[in-house]
Structures are given as structure tokens and as C-alpha cells.
Amino acid sequence: MTSELFRFQGGVKPDSHKKESSEVPIQRVPLPSRLVVLLVQSSQGSARTIVTVGDKVLKGQCIGEAEGVAGTAIHAPTSGTVAEIGRYPMAHPSGLASQAIVIEPDGEERWITSEPLDPATASHEELILRIQASGIVGMGGAAFPSHLKARSEIETLIINGAECEPWITCDDRLMRERAASVVTGAAILAQLTGARRVLVGIEDNKPEAIAAMRDAVRGMEPAALACLGAEPDMMSVVAVPTLYPTGGEKQLIRVLTGIEVPPGTLVTSLGVQCFNVATAHAVCRALLHGESVVSRIVTVTGNVERPGNFEVPLGMPIADLLAFCGLNPGTSRVMMGGPMMGFTLPSLDAPITKGCNCLIAASDELFPPQPPEQPCVRCAQCTTACPVGLQPFELYWASRAKNLDDAKRHHLFTCMECGCCAYVCPSHIPLVDYFRFAKSEIRARDEEQKAAAQARSRFEFRSARLEREKAEKAARLAAKAAETRAKAAADGNAALIAAAVERSKDEADA
């Protein structure tokens, strides 16, 4: 199958810095003394603990039960003992804490017994529930629950192997070394979504990954062929031009299919759905091998002695992982994610989660301090670079002036915070920071307005209730008064009649 390529507007070409970590195979890291498994692995859902302190657990055993429709289960990354259940810092710019289960490994790595599930014979609902029960989320960084996306009915399934962010190479190594599992997982997802074609998009700066994936498609395993209805031509691996942010969902859809996704439109309404290559790999392992998500591949790069890609158990403290890789002197900060969309970690005590794909040890030599911000000169380079067609300089003025309504009119929430505008800005304005600030202010204002509306609604309901009760009370009093008057009148009439009768008797006797 061949695929015509299209172009999205904007984009930039930063230095890739891929070679630093992509030249050595994936390595396993030794187990730390403690694993801190957060019960909140994404912004969409959380889990409820089902173990207690002192419990013995096996690797892959469910320790956190999914809460709600968007929740996914949490599993023990190794065998050991539950040492503590408490609050620990999350890998998040806020530095906020979340509930976590602390496991002390016993070093035996004993797996729980779990039965594979054959996609050829299992029902659609059984497959979806297994994905949810296995704790599979989007492994590209967003960590959106995969069982929700797998319920979509679509025409085209896109497997995202673009990995456009500089420095990150975990997907590259995964495709090179475990291409067969990625392809099989993609075939299973195609079966679940009813897709008629599968496009695997990989940037052309990853020739080894492209070759490995194409070999895997040509030599597709029986399970994958069964899921595709014995039609291997449904799936093709497409090399796409290296341009950031090609790995963005809407941008990759545009490049591979030509479909332009309007702001606020769900891609599934256009017959398309995207999954990351690591997510496809996790689906294969969960269904065909009965393995829950207990680890992930993490790129560790930058100012470290041993940069590379590592299979890391979930819950491993980031400080322990960096120590294993040899954090060099001169490290000024550690970023999670890439330099374009990632963030500086407020604490290295935070653990690895399902959405953590990269850690970058930054030094002043690798990442020189940002020059002082200068006034905007309205050069419009940011507009040219914006991949979603916004005017970032207008958003900047509105955000800086806290003119929130104007920022919304300029489609602030269409901004994907990719950082292209800040990258090309000659005035070194941290545009994305301004946009994030404005978004947070709008959300806070909307919450206040919502709370005020709810308070007003409650007040109006209370006032209406009091008026109704007052009217009902007045009606009851009026009815009682009328009853009393009627009774008094009736009693008075009886007395008059009795008097008349007495007078009649007296007259008769006389």
C-alpha cells in the first residue's frame, strides 16, 4: 500500500540530538530499594487501592482498581511487600502530591499467573476490558486511557512512531528491537476499531526503525494476520519528513491522510484514530502474553555518563534512575519530556509513571540560559511557525494584558503548546508560558463563574422554597381562619334558633 503525503502549515526543525541516546540497545535497570507507584497515572482517571500495608504482592498483580469509566488499573511492578500507602510528589510542574503505594521488592521478580486472550476468539467487549484491566494508557506522554480510544469505529488507524521531539529516542529503539510486537498490537487495535487501513508514520530520520517495522509487516505473525483478516496489505509503514511537530496527532493525520482536523473536532468523527507505537506494543503484551503495564522504556539523556534507553519499572524514583545513569556535575535541572513541550521537574523524588518517556539532564552548556525577554517587534515569525494557524503575537498581547476574552477570541485553547513560536521568536519571549498563564486564568475564572452560578441557583431555589412555604403557610392560616369563622357563624345561628324556640314556647305557655 502506498500513501500520498501532505504538508501541515508551520513547524520548525530544531537540532534533533537523537544520536546521544539511540545507538545502544534498550537496557534493564536494577530494582531500587523502594518503588513508589502512584494511583494517579493520568489527568483522566485514577485508581483505588485494594491492598494494605504488609501485603505480599506478585509482579503484575492488580494493586489499584480502576475508578470510573476513564480509570485504568495499577499493578505491582515487581514482587515484594507493601511497605506504605501515603502521599508522594508527582512528576508534574506543580509538584503536588498524590496517593501512592510503596513496594519493597523481594528481588525474586515472581509474576502473577495471567491467562492470554486470543483476539480471534474473544469478544470485542472482552478485549476492551482486558486493555482496561491491564492498565494500558497512551504511552506517548498524554496517558489517555486506551480502552476508551479503542471503542471508536473508524476507517483509518494511525500508529504514531514519528517521535518528533528532540532528544527522545525511546520509540525509535522500541521499533528497532520489538517491531513484531508493535505490528501485532497495531493489528489488534485495527480489529477493535474496525479500521480498513493502518498507517504507521515514522520520521525519516529513523531509517533503522523504518526498516525494522517494514520487515515486521512483511513477516507478520499469524496473530496479526488473523486480526487483519489475512489482509497484510491493510498495513503500511510510511516515512514522513522530519519536521517538528509531525508527531502531534492532528499534524500526523494531516501528513498521512490529508485530513484537516478543525479546532474542537474529535478525530474519530473524521474516521481516524491514533495510537502510539508503545501503546500498540503494550496491547500485544497484554492480550497475547497476559502482561499488565508494569514498566516502560524511558530515554535518559543530556548531562549523564551513560545516556540511552532503559526499561524502567513504574514507581522507580527518578533520582535512582539518574544515579544509575551517572548524573554528571554541572546539571542545572532535569526535564521530563522533550525540550519543546517538556517541563522542569520540581523534585527528583517523583517516581516514573506510564506517561514518562524521557528525562533530560540539562546543563548550561547543553541548554544555555534563555536571554532576557525583549519587546515584541511584530515580525510574525511566530505566526509562520505555528502548526495550527494561530497568531501567537496577538495571543501574547492579550495574555500579557490579561485580556482573557480577547485571548479566547484568538482561539487560545486551540494552541497545543508545542513551543514552535517561542523557538523562532527573535525577542526570546517565552510565549508558551504566557499562553499557559492565560489558560489557567480563564479556567479559574470559569470555575469561579460556575461556582457563582451554582450559588445563585441555590439561592434562587432557597428563595423560591421560602416563598412557597410562606404562601403555603398563609394559605393554611387563611383556611383555618375561614373554618373558624364558619364554625362561629354556625354556632351563632344555632344560638339564635334556640332562643327563638324558647320564645315560642314561652308565648305558647302564656
Protein backbone atom coordinates (compact mmCIF):
# COMPACT_ATOMS: atom_id res chain seq x y z
CA MET A 1 0.00 0.00 0.00
CA THR A 2 1.35 3.43 -0.88
CA SER A 3 0.30 6.66 0.74
CA GLU A 4 0.44 10.19 -0.63
CA LEU A 5 1.99 12.59 1.82
CA PHE A 6 0.62 16.02 2.65
CA ARG A 7 2.01 19.05 4.45
CA PHE A 8 0.78 20.85 7.53
CA GLN A 9 1.44 24.53 7.90
CA GLY A 10 4.22 25.86 10.08
CA GLY A 11 6.64 23.71 12.04
CA VAL A 12 10.34 24.05 12.84
CA LYS A 13 13.49 21.97 12.56
CA PRO A 14 15.43 22.09 15.85
CA ASP A 15 18.63 20.08 16.29
CA SER A 16 17.49 16.52 16.88
CA HIS A 17 20.15 15.29 19.35
CA LYS A 18 18.96 11.72 18.74
CA LYS A 19 22.37 10.06 18.37
CA GLU A 20 23.26 10.68 22.01
CA SER A 21 20.85 8.00 23.22
CA SER A 22 19.77 5.93 20.20
CA GLU A 23 22.95 3.99 19.44
CA VAL A 24 22.80 1.42 22.24
CA PRO A 25 20.13 -1.27 22.83
CA ILE A 26 17.46 -0.95 25.48
CA GLN A 27 18.86 -1.82 28.91
CA ARG A 28 17.13 -3.01 32.05
CA VAL A 29 17.82 -1.14 35.26
CA PRO A 30 18.34 -2.86 38.62
CA LEU A 31 15.44 -2.71 41.04
CA PRO A 32 15.64 0.11 43.58
CA SER A 33 15.06 -0.46 47.28
CA ARG A 34 11.55 1.02 47.03
CA LEU A 35 9.01 1.50 44.25
CA VAL A 36 6.51 4.35 44.66
CA VAL A 37 3.53 3.51 42.46
CA LEU A 38 1.20 6.48 42.07
CA LEU A 39 -2.52 5.79 41.93
CA VAL A 40 -2.97 8.76 39.59
CA GLN A 41 -1.17 8.00 36.34
CA SER A 42 -3.05 10.46 34.14
CA SER A 43 -5.27 13.51 34.36
CA GLN A 44 -8.25 11.48 33.10
CA GLY A 45 -8.56 8.85 35.79
CA SER A 46 -7.28 7.36 38.99
CA ALA A 47 -7.33 4.05 40.83
CA ARG A 48 -8.50 2.93 44.25
CA THR A 49 -6.06 0.94 46.35
CA ILE A 50 -7.06 -2.68 47.01
CA VAL A 51 -4.04 -3.70 49.10
CA THR A 52 -2.98 -2.88 52.65
CA VAL A 53 0.35 -2.35 54.34
CA GLY A 54 2.11 -5.66 54.89
CA ASP A 55 0.51 -7.47 51.93
CA LYS A 56 2.73 -9.65 49.77
CA VAL A 57 2.27 -8.92 46.07
CA LEU A 58 3.42 -10.53 42.84
CA LYS A 59 4.67 -8.80 39.73
CA GLY A 60 1.69 -7.82 37.59
CA GLN A 61 -0.80 -8.18 40.46
CA CYS A 62 -3.51 -5.53 40.50
CA ILE A 63 -2.94 -3.20 43.46
CA GLY A 64 -5.16 -0.32 42.32
CA GLU A 65 -8.65 -0.86 40.93
CA ALA A 66 -9.85 1.41 38.14
CA GLU A 67 -12.26 4.15 39.27
CA GLY A 68 -14.88 5.36 36.86
CA VAL A 69 -15.19 4.95 33.11
CA ALA A 70 -11.85 6.64 32.42
CA GLY A 71 -9.91 4.84 35.15
CA THR A 72 -7.26 2.21 34.48
CA ALA A 73 -5.87 -0.38 36.83
CA ILE A 74 -2.49 -0.11 38.56
CA HIS A 75 -0.25 -3.16 39.00
CA ALA A 76 2.75 -4.14 41.11
CA PRO A 77 5.95 -3.55 39.08
CA THR A 78 7.68 -6.40 40.90
CA SER A 79 7.10 -8.94 43.64
CA GLY A 80 7.55 -7.77 47.19
CA THR A 81 5.81 -6.28 50.22
CA VAL A 82 3.53 -3.26 50.50
CA ALA A 83 5.53 -1.08 52.89
CA GLU A 84 3.46 2.07 52.93
CA ILE A 85 0.42 3.80 51.46
CA GLY A 86 0.81 7.57 51.53
CA ARG A 87 1.22 10.75 49.55
CA TYR A 88 4.25 11.32 47.33
CA PRO A 89 5.19 14.05 44.81
CA MET A 90 4.02 13.61 41.24
CA ALA A 91 6.14 14.23 38.14
CA HIS A 92 4.25 17.42 37.42
CA PRO A 93 5.21 21.12 37.19
CA SER A 94 3.01 21.84 40.21
CA GLY A 95 4.96 19.49 42.47
CA LEU A 96 1.68 18.39 44.05
CA ALA A 97 1.49 15.09 45.89
CA SER A 98 -0.74 12.13 45.15
CA GLN A 99 -1.68 8.89 46.85
CA ALA A 100 0.85 6.12 46.21
CA ILE A 101 1.57 2.52 47.13
CA VAL A 102 5.16 1.87 48.21
CA ILE A 103 6.51 -1.62 47.49
CA GLU A 104 9.75 -3.06 48.84
CA PRO A 105 10.99 -5.57 46.21
CA ASP A 106 11.99 -9.07 47.29
CA GLY A 107 14.30 -9.44 44.28
CA GLU A 108 12.55 -12.56 43.01
CA GLU A 109 10.52 -10.91 40.22
CA ARG A 110 7.76 -13.51 40.53
CA TRP A 111 4.91 -12.91 38.07
CA ILE A 112 1.28 -13.45 38.85
CA THR A 113 -0.40 -16.13 36.73
CA SER A 114 -2.41 -14.49 33.96
CA GLU A 115 -4.09 -16.13 31.00
CA PRO A 116 -3.56 -14.73 27.48
CA LEU A 117 -6.60 -13.69 25.49
CA ASP A 118 -6.93 -14.74 21.86
CA PRO A 119 -8.23 -11.82 19.76
CA ALA A 120 -9.57 -14.29 17.20
CA THR A 121 -12.00 -15.91 19.64
CA ALA A 122 -12.59 -13.31 22.38
CA SER A 123 -15.47 -10.88 22.08
CA HIS A 124 -14.96 -7.19 21.43
CA GLU A 125 -16.01 -6.32 25.00
CA GLU A 126 -13.65 -8.90 26.49
CA LEU A 127 -10.73 -7.38 24.59
CA ILE A 128 -11.66 -3.84 25.68
CA LEU A 129 -12.00 -4.89 29.32
CA ARG A 130 -8.63 -6.66 29.20
CA ILE A 131 -6.99 -3.48 27.89
CA GLN A 132 -8.54 -1.52 30.75
CA ALA A 133 -7.68 -4.16 33.33
CA SER A 134 -4.08 -4.26 32.07
CA GLY A 135 -3.68 -0.55 32.79
CA ILE A 136 -2.89 0.49 29.22
CA VAL A 137 -2.81 4.21 28.52
CA GLY A 138 -1.29 6.37 25.82
CA MET A 139 2.44 5.80 26.25
CA GLY A 140 3.47 8.76 24.10
CA GLY A 141 3.12 11.12 27.04
CA ALA A 142 -0.58 12.02 27.24
CA ALA A 143 -1.53 8.82 29.16
CA PHE A 144 -5.12 8.92 27.89
CA PRO A 145 -6.91 5.63 28.73
CA SER A 146 -6.54 3.37 25.69
CA HIS A 147 -9.70 1.34 26.27
CA LEU A 148 -11.75 4.47 25.57
CA LYS A 149 -9.99 5.16 22.28
CA ALA A 150 -10.21 1.51 21.26
CA ARG A 151 -14.01 1.70 21.33
CA SER A 152 -14.00 4.05 18.32
CA GLU A 153 -15.33 2.90 14.96
CA ILE A 154 -13.04 4.30 12.28
CA GLU A 155 -11.77 3.88 8.73
CA THR A 156 -8.08 4.65 9.25
CA LEU A 157 -5.87 3.68 12.17
CA ILE A 158 -2.64 5.64 12.58
CA ILE A 159 0.23 4.27 14.63
CA ASN A 160 2.40 7.17 15.73
CA GLY A 161 6.11 6.43 15.55
CA ALA A 162 7.12 9.93 14.47
CA GLU A 163 8.81 10.84 17.78
CA CYS A 164 9.46 14.38 16.57
CA GLU A 165 10.68 15.91 19.85
CA PRO A 166 14.46 16.44 20.04
CA TRP A 167 16.47 14.15 22.33
CA ILE A 168 13.73 11.49 22.76
CA THR A 169 14.50 8.07 21.23
CA CYS A 170 12.52 5.51 23.28
CA ASP A 171 10.06 4.82 20.46
CA ASP A 172 12.91 4.56 17.96
CA ARG A 173 14.62 1.82 19.97
CA LEU A 174 11.31 0.09 20.67
CA MET A 175 10.55 -0.16 16.95
CA ARG A 176 14.05 -1.35 16.15
CA GLU A 177 14.06 -4.09 18.78
CA ARG A 178 10.40 -5.10 19.20
CA ALA A 179 8.84 -4.33 15.84
CA ALA A 180 6.90 -7.62 15.64
CA SER A 181 5.03 -6.86 18.88
CA VAL A 182 4.27 -3.31 17.75
CA VAL A 183 2.85 -4.58 14.45
CA THR A 184 0.78 -7.25 16.20
CA GLY A 185 -0.58 -4.71 18.66
CA ALA A 186 -1.47 -2.41 15.76
CA ALA A 187 -3.33 -5.28 14.06
CA ILE A 188 -5.30 -5.95 17.26
CA LEU A 189 -6.24 -2.28 17.50
CA ALA A 190 -7.33 -2.36 13.87
CA GLN A 191 -9.61 -5.28 14.65
CA LEU A 192 -11.07 -3.49 17.68
CA THR A 193 -11.74 -0.24 15.81
CA GLY A 194 -12.85 -1.83 12.54
CA ALA A 195 -10.19 0.10 10.62
CA ARG A 196 -9.79 -0.74 6.94
CA ARG A 197 -6.23 0.54 6.72
CA VAL A 198 -3.36 1.01 9.15
CA LEU A 199 -0.68 3.64 8.57
CA VAL A 200 2.48 3.60 10.67
CA GLY A 201 4.05 7.06 10.46
CA ILE A 202 7.79 7.33 11.27
CA GLU A 203 10.00 10.36 10.65
CA ASP A 204 12.65 9.72 8.02
CA ASN A 205 15.50 10.40 10.47
CA LYS A 206 14.91 6.89 11.87
CA PRO A 207 15.92 4.63 8.95
CA GLU A 208 16.65 1.60 11.16
CA ALA A 209 13.21 1.79 12.79
CA ILE A 210 11.53 2.16 9.39
CA ALA A 211 13.38 -0.89 8.04
CA ALA A 212 12.58 -2.98 11.14
CA MET A 213 8.89 -2.11 11.01
CA ARG A 214 8.64 -2.83 7.30
CA ASP A 215 10.31 -6.22 7.84
CA ALA A 216 7.82 -6.95 10.63
CA VAL A 217 4.88 -6.07 8.37
CA ARG A 218 6.21 -8.30 5.60
CA GLY A 219 6.79 -11.17 8.05
CA MET A 220 3.61 -10.56 10.02
CA GLU A 221 2.91 -13.13 12.73
CA PRO A 222 -0.20 -15.36 12.50
CA ALA A 223 -1.96 -13.48 15.32
CA ALA A 224 -1.56 -10.20 13.45
CA LEU A 225 -2.73 -11.69 10.17
CA ALA A 226 -5.79 -13.12 11.88
CA CYS A 227 -6.68 -9.71 13.31
CA LEU A 228 -6.35 -8.13 9.86
CA GLY A 229 -8.48 -10.81 8.27
CA ALA A 230 -5.43 -12.22 6.45
CA GLU A 231 -5.02 -8.93 4.57
CA PRO A 232 -1.46 -7.73 5.28
CA ASP A 233 -1.78 -5.04 2.61
CA MET A 234 -4.03 -3.15 5.02
CA MET A 235 -0.93 -2.05 6.93
CA SER A 236 1.92 0.07 5.62
CA VAL A 237 4.90 1.85 7.15
CA VAL A 238 5.26 5.40 5.86
CA ALA A 239 8.38 7.51 6.19
CA VAL A 240 7.32 11.12 6.81
CA PRO A 241 9.52 14.24 6.57
CA THR A 242 11.37 15.23 9.72
CA LEU A 243 9.65 18.37 10.90
CA TYR A 244 8.54 19.28 14.40
CA PRO A 245 5.71 18.76 15.47
CA THR A 246 4.86 16.00 13.00
CA GLY A 247 4.24 13.72 15.99
CA GLY A 248 1.25 15.80 17.05
CA GLU A 249 -1.97 13.88 16.47
CA LYS A 250 -3.58 16.40 14.12
CA GLN A 251 -0.33 17.07 12.28
CA LEU A 252 0.39 13.38 11.65
CA ILE A 253 -3.19 12.83 10.49
CA ARG A 254 -2.75 15.71 8.06
CA VAL A 255 0.58 14.39 6.73
CA LEU A 256 -0.63 10.81 6.24
CA THR A 257 -4.23 11.31 5.11
CA GLY A 258 -4.62 14.92 4.05
CA ILE A 259 -7.45 15.34 6.55
CA GLU A 260 -7.50 18.74 8.25
CA VAL A 261 -8.89 18.44 11.76
CA PRO A 262 -10.83 21.62 12.64
CA PRO A 263 -10.41 23.08 16.15
CA GLY A 264 -12.67 21.41 18.67
CA THR A 265 -13.34 18.41 16.41
CA LEU A 266 -12.74 14.86 17.61
CA VAL A 267 -10.60 12.97 15.14
CA THR A 268 -12.87 9.94 15.44
CA SER A 269 -15.70 11.93 13.87
CA LEU A 270 -13.50 12.09 10.77
CA GLY A 271 -12.94 8.34 10.75
CA VAL A 272 -9.40 8.42 12.13
CA GLN A 273 -7.74 7.37 15.40
CA CYS A 274 -4.12 7.50 16.61
CA PHE A 275 -2.16 5.27 18.98
CA ASN A 276 1.48 5.49 19.96
CA VAL A 277 3.80 2.61 19.00
CA ALA A 278 4.50 1.88 22.67
CA THR A 279 0.75 1.63 23.30
CA ALA A 280 0.42 -0.88 20.44
CA HIS A 281 3.28 -2.88 21.97
CA ALA A 282 1.55 -2.86 25.37
CA VAL A 283 -1.72 -4.08 23.79
CA CYS A 284 0.12 -7.03 22.23
CA ARG A 285 1.80 -7.98 25.51
CA ALA A 286 -1.45 -7.66 27.48
CA LEU A 287 -3.64 -9.77 25.20
CA LEU A 288 -1.24 -12.38 23.82
CA HIS A 289 1.01 -12.75 26.88
CA GLY A 290 -1.18 -11.68 29.79
CA GLU A 291 1.24 -8.95 30.89
CA SER A 292 -0.04 -5.78 32.52
CA VAL A 293 1.78 -2.47 32.20
CA VAL A 294 4.45 -2.64 34.90
CA SER A 295 7.32 -0.88 33.15
CA ARG A 296 8.08 1.40 30.23
CA ILE A 297 11.00 2.46 28.04
CA VAL A 298 12.49 5.79 29.15
CA THR A 299 15.12 7.83 27.34
CA VAL A 300 17.71 9.25 29.73
CA THR A 301 20.00 11.71 28.02
CA GLY A 302 21.78 15.02 28.33
CA ASN A 303 24.41 15.57 31.01
CA VAL A 304 24.75 11.92 32.08
CA GLU A 305 27.60 9.42 31.80
CA ARG A 306 25.52 6.65 30.21
CA PRO A 307 22.78 8.08 28.01
CA GLY A 308 20.44 5.56 26.46
CA ASN A 309 17.05 3.93 26.67
CA PHE A 310 16.11 1.91 29.72
CA GLU A 311 13.27 -0.42 30.63
CA VAL A 312 12.24 1.08 33.95
CA PRO A 313 9.74 -0.36 36.45
CA LEU A 314 6.89 2.00 37.19
CA GLY A 315 7.37 3.69 40.52
CA MET A 316 11.17 3.87 40.35
CA PRO A 317 12.23 7.20 41.88
CA ILE A 318 13.67 9.48 39.21
CA ALA A 319 16.67 10.21 41.43
CA ASP A 320 17.55 6.49 41.47
CA LEU A 321 17.31 6.22 37.68
CA LEU A 322 19.53 9.26 37.18
CA ALA A 323 22.03 7.88 39.69
CA PHE A 324 22.19 4.63 37.71
CA CYS A 325 22.87 6.59 34.51
CA GLY A 326 25.52 8.70 36.21
CA LEU A 327 24.34 12.27 36.63
CA ASN A 328 27.31 14.50 35.79
CA PRO A 329 28.36 17.61 37.73
CA GLY A 330 27.04 20.84 36.30
CA THR A 331 23.47 19.62 35.90
CA SER A 332 21.28 22.65 36.49
CA ARG A 333 17.89 20.98 36.18
CA VAL A 334 16.16 17.84 34.97
CA MET A 335 13.41 17.98 32.37
CA MET A 336 10.70 15.40 31.80
CA GLY A 337 9.74 15.09 28.15
CA GLY A 338 11.47 16.91 25.33
CA PRO A 339 12.86 20.45 25.39
CA MET A 340 9.95 21.77 23.32
CA MET A 341 6.97 20.54 25.35
CA GLY A 342 8.57 19.11 28.47
CA PHE A 343 8.90 20.75 31.87
CA THR A 344 11.45 21.08 34.65
CA LEU A 345 10.88 18.64 37.49
CA PRO A 346 10.39 20.40 40.84
CA SER A 347 11.51 17.26 42.70
CA LEU A 348 13.59 14.23 41.74
CA ASP A 349 11.77 12.22 44.40
CA ALA A 350 8.86 11.83 41.99
CA PRO A 351 8.53 8.32 40.51
CA ILE A 352 8.41 7.11 36.92
CA THR A 353 4.84 6.89 35.58
CA LYS A 354 3.27 5.44 32.44
CA GLY A 355 3.45 8.78 30.66
CA CYS A 356 7.16 9.43 31.32
CA ASN A 357 9.06 8.91 28.07
CA CYS A 358 12.20 10.98 28.59
CA LEU A 359 14.44 12.56 31.21
CA ILE A 360 16.95 15.19 30.12
CA ALA A 361 19.73 16.28 32.47
CA ALA A 362 20.22 19.89 31.45
CA SER A 363 23.41 21.85 31.91
CA ASP A 364 24.24 25.43 30.94
CA GLU A 365 26.45 24.07 28.18
CA LEU A 366 23.72 21.92 26.61
CA PHE A 367 20.89 24.34 27.32
CA PRO A 368 22.26 27.88 27.67
CA PRO A 369 20.16 30.19 29.84
CA GLN A 370 17.40 31.97 27.98
CA PRO A 371 18.42 35.52 27.01
CA PRO A 372 16.41 38.34 28.58
CA GLU A 373 12.99 38.89 27.12
CA GLN A 374 12.81 41.79 24.68
CA PRO A 375 9.78 43.70 23.40
CA CYS A 376 7.74 42.10 20.64
CA VAL A 377 8.61 43.58 17.23
CA ARG A 378 5.61 42.02 15.46
CA CYS A 379 7.82 40.23 12.97
CA ALA A 380 5.15 37.49 12.67
CA GLN A 381 7.75 34.69 12.60
CA CYS A 382 5.68 33.01 15.30
CA THR A 383 2.65 33.06 13.00
CA THR A 384 4.65 31.46 10.21
CA ALA A 385 5.90 28.70 12.53
CA CYS A 386 2.56 27.96 14.26
CA PRO A 387 1.35 24.50 13.13
CA VAL A 388 -2.30 25.21 14.00
CA GLY A 389 -2.64 28.53 12.18
CA LEU A 390 -2.80 30.92 15.14
CA GLN A 391 -1.37 34.41 15.56
CA PRO A 392 0.80 33.93 18.66
CA PHE A 393 1.83 37.58 18.87
CA GLU A 394 -1.85 38.59 19.22
CA LEU A 395 -2.31 35.91 21.86
CA TYR A 396 0.80 37.25 23.59
CA TRP A 397 -0.56 40.80 23.84
CA ALA A 398 -3.93 39.58 25.06
CA SER A 399 -2.37 37.20 27.61
CA ARG A 400 0.10 39.76 28.88
CA ALA A 401 -2.66 42.35 29.34
CA LYS A 402 -4.91 39.71 30.95
CA ASN A 403 -7.48 40.44 28.28
CA LEU A 404 -8.83 36.94 28.59
CA ASP A 405 -11.88 37.38 26.37
CA ASP A 406 -9.66 38.69 23.58
CA ALA A 407 -7.33 35.72 24.05
CA LYS A 408 -10.29 33.35 23.69
CA ARG A 409 -11.42 35.19 20.55
CA HIS A 410 -7.99 34.50 19.09
CA HIS A 411 -8.53 30.76 19.77
CA LEU A 412 -6.19 30.43 22.73
CA PHE A 413 -7.37 26.91 23.53
CA THR A 414 -6.52 25.73 20.02
CA CYS A 415 -2.86 26.25 20.99
CA MET A 416 -1.18 22.86 21.55
CA GLU A 417 1.74 24.47 23.44
CA CYS A 418 4.26 22.92 21.04
CA GLY A 419 6.72 25.77 21.53
CA CYS A 420 7.36 26.50 17.85
CA CYS A 421 6.50 30.18 18.34
CA ALA A 422 8.91 30.62 21.25
CA TYR A 423 11.61 28.71 19.35
CA VAL A 424 11.64 31.19 16.45
CA CYS A 425 10.94 34.37 18.44
CA PRO A 426 13.87 36.80 17.93
CA SER A 427 12.84 38.67 21.08
CA HIS A 428 13.20 35.49 23.20
CA ILE A 429 9.69 35.87 24.58
CA PRO A 430 8.55 32.72 26.46
CA LEU A 431 5.27 32.75 24.57
CA VAL A 432 4.04 29.36 25.75
CA ASP A 433 4.41 30.46 29.38
CA TYR A 434 2.12 33.41 28.68
CA PHE A 435 -0.40 31.14 26.97
CA ARG A 436 -0.38 28.65 29.82
CA PHE A 437 -0.89 31.50 32.28
CA ALA A 438 -3.85 32.84 30.29
CA LYS A 439 -5.39 29.37 30.03
CA SER A 440 -5.09 28.87 33.78
CA GLU A 441 -6.65 32.29 34.41
CA ILE A 442 -9.55 31.51 32.09
CA ARG A 443 -10.10 28.13 33.73
CA ALA A 444 -10.00 29.74 37.17
CA ARG A 445 -12.44 32.44 36.06
CA ASP A 446 -14.76 29.86 34.52
CA GLU A 447 -14.67 27.86 37.74
CA GLU A 448 -15.50 30.98 39.74
CA GLN A 449 -18.35 31.81 37.39
CA LYS A 450 -19.58 28.24 37.59
CA ALA A 451 -19.42 28.34 41.38
CA ALA A 452 -21.20 31.72 41.39
CA ALA A 453 -23.88 30.37 39.07
CA GLN A 454 -24.36 27.35 41.31
CA ALA A 455 -24.53 29.60 44.38
CA ARG A 456 -27.05 31.85 42.62
CA SER A 457 -29.07 28.84 41.60
CA ARG A 458 -29.03 27.53 45.17
CA PHE A 459 -30.03 30.99 46.50
CA GLU A 460 -32.86 31.32 43.97
CA PHE A 461 -34.03 27.80 44.78
CA ARG A 462 -33.94 28.60 48.51
CA SER A 463 -35.78 31.88 47.98
CA ALA A 464 -38.41 30.12 45.88
CA ARG A 465 -38.75 27.43 48.54
CA LEU A 466 -39.14 30.03 51.32
CA GLU A 467 -41.74 31.93 49.26
CA ARG A 468 -43.58 28.71 48.54
CA GLU A 469 -43.53 27.71 52.21
CA LYS A 470 -44.66 31.22 53.18
CA ALA A 471 -47.52 31.08 50.70
CA GLU A 472 -48.48 27.59 51.85
CA LYS A 473 -48.42 28.75 55.47
CA ALA A 474 -50.54 31.79 54.64
CA ALA A 475 -52.98 29.56 52.78
CA ARG A 476 -53.20 27.20 55.76
CA LEU A 477 -53.81 30.11 58.16
CA ALA A 478 -56.43 31.60 55.87
CA ALA A 479 -58.19 28.27 55.57
CA LYS A 480 -58.13 27.81 59.33
CA ALA A 481 -59.49 31.32 59.88
CA ALA A 482 -62.27 30.71 57.39
CA GLU A 483 -63.06 27.45 59.12
CA THR A 484 -63.17 29.23 62.47
CA ARG A 485 -65.43 31.95 61.10
CA ALA A 486 -67.71 29.40 59.56
CA LYS A 487 -67.88 27.49 62.81
CA ALA A 488 -68.52 30.65 64.78
CA ALA A 489 -71.20 31.65 62.37
CA ALA A 490 -72.74 28.20 62.58
CA ASP A 491 -72.63 28.32 66.40
CA GLY A 492 -74.20 31.80 66.37
CA ASN A 493 -77.05 30.70 64.15
CA ALA A 494 -77.73 27.72 66.41
CA ALA A 495 -77.95 30.01 69.42
CA LEU A 496 -80.40 32.34 67.66
CA ILE A 497 -82.58 29.41 66.64
CA ALA A 498 -82.54 28.03 70.20
CA ALA A 499 -83.55 31.44 71.56
CA ALA A 500 -86.39 31.70 69.07
CA VAL A 501 -87.62 28.26 70.05
CA GLU A 502 -87.58 29.24 73.72
CA ARG A 503 -89.52 32.41 73.00
CA SER A 504 -92.08 30.40 71.06
CA LYS A 505 -92.51 28.05 73.97
CA ASP A 506 -92.88 30.92 76.41
CA GLU A 507 -95.54 32.55 74.22
CA ALA A 508 -97.42 29.28 73.97
CA ASP A 509 -97.44 28.76 77.75
CA ALA A 510 -98.70 32.28 78.28
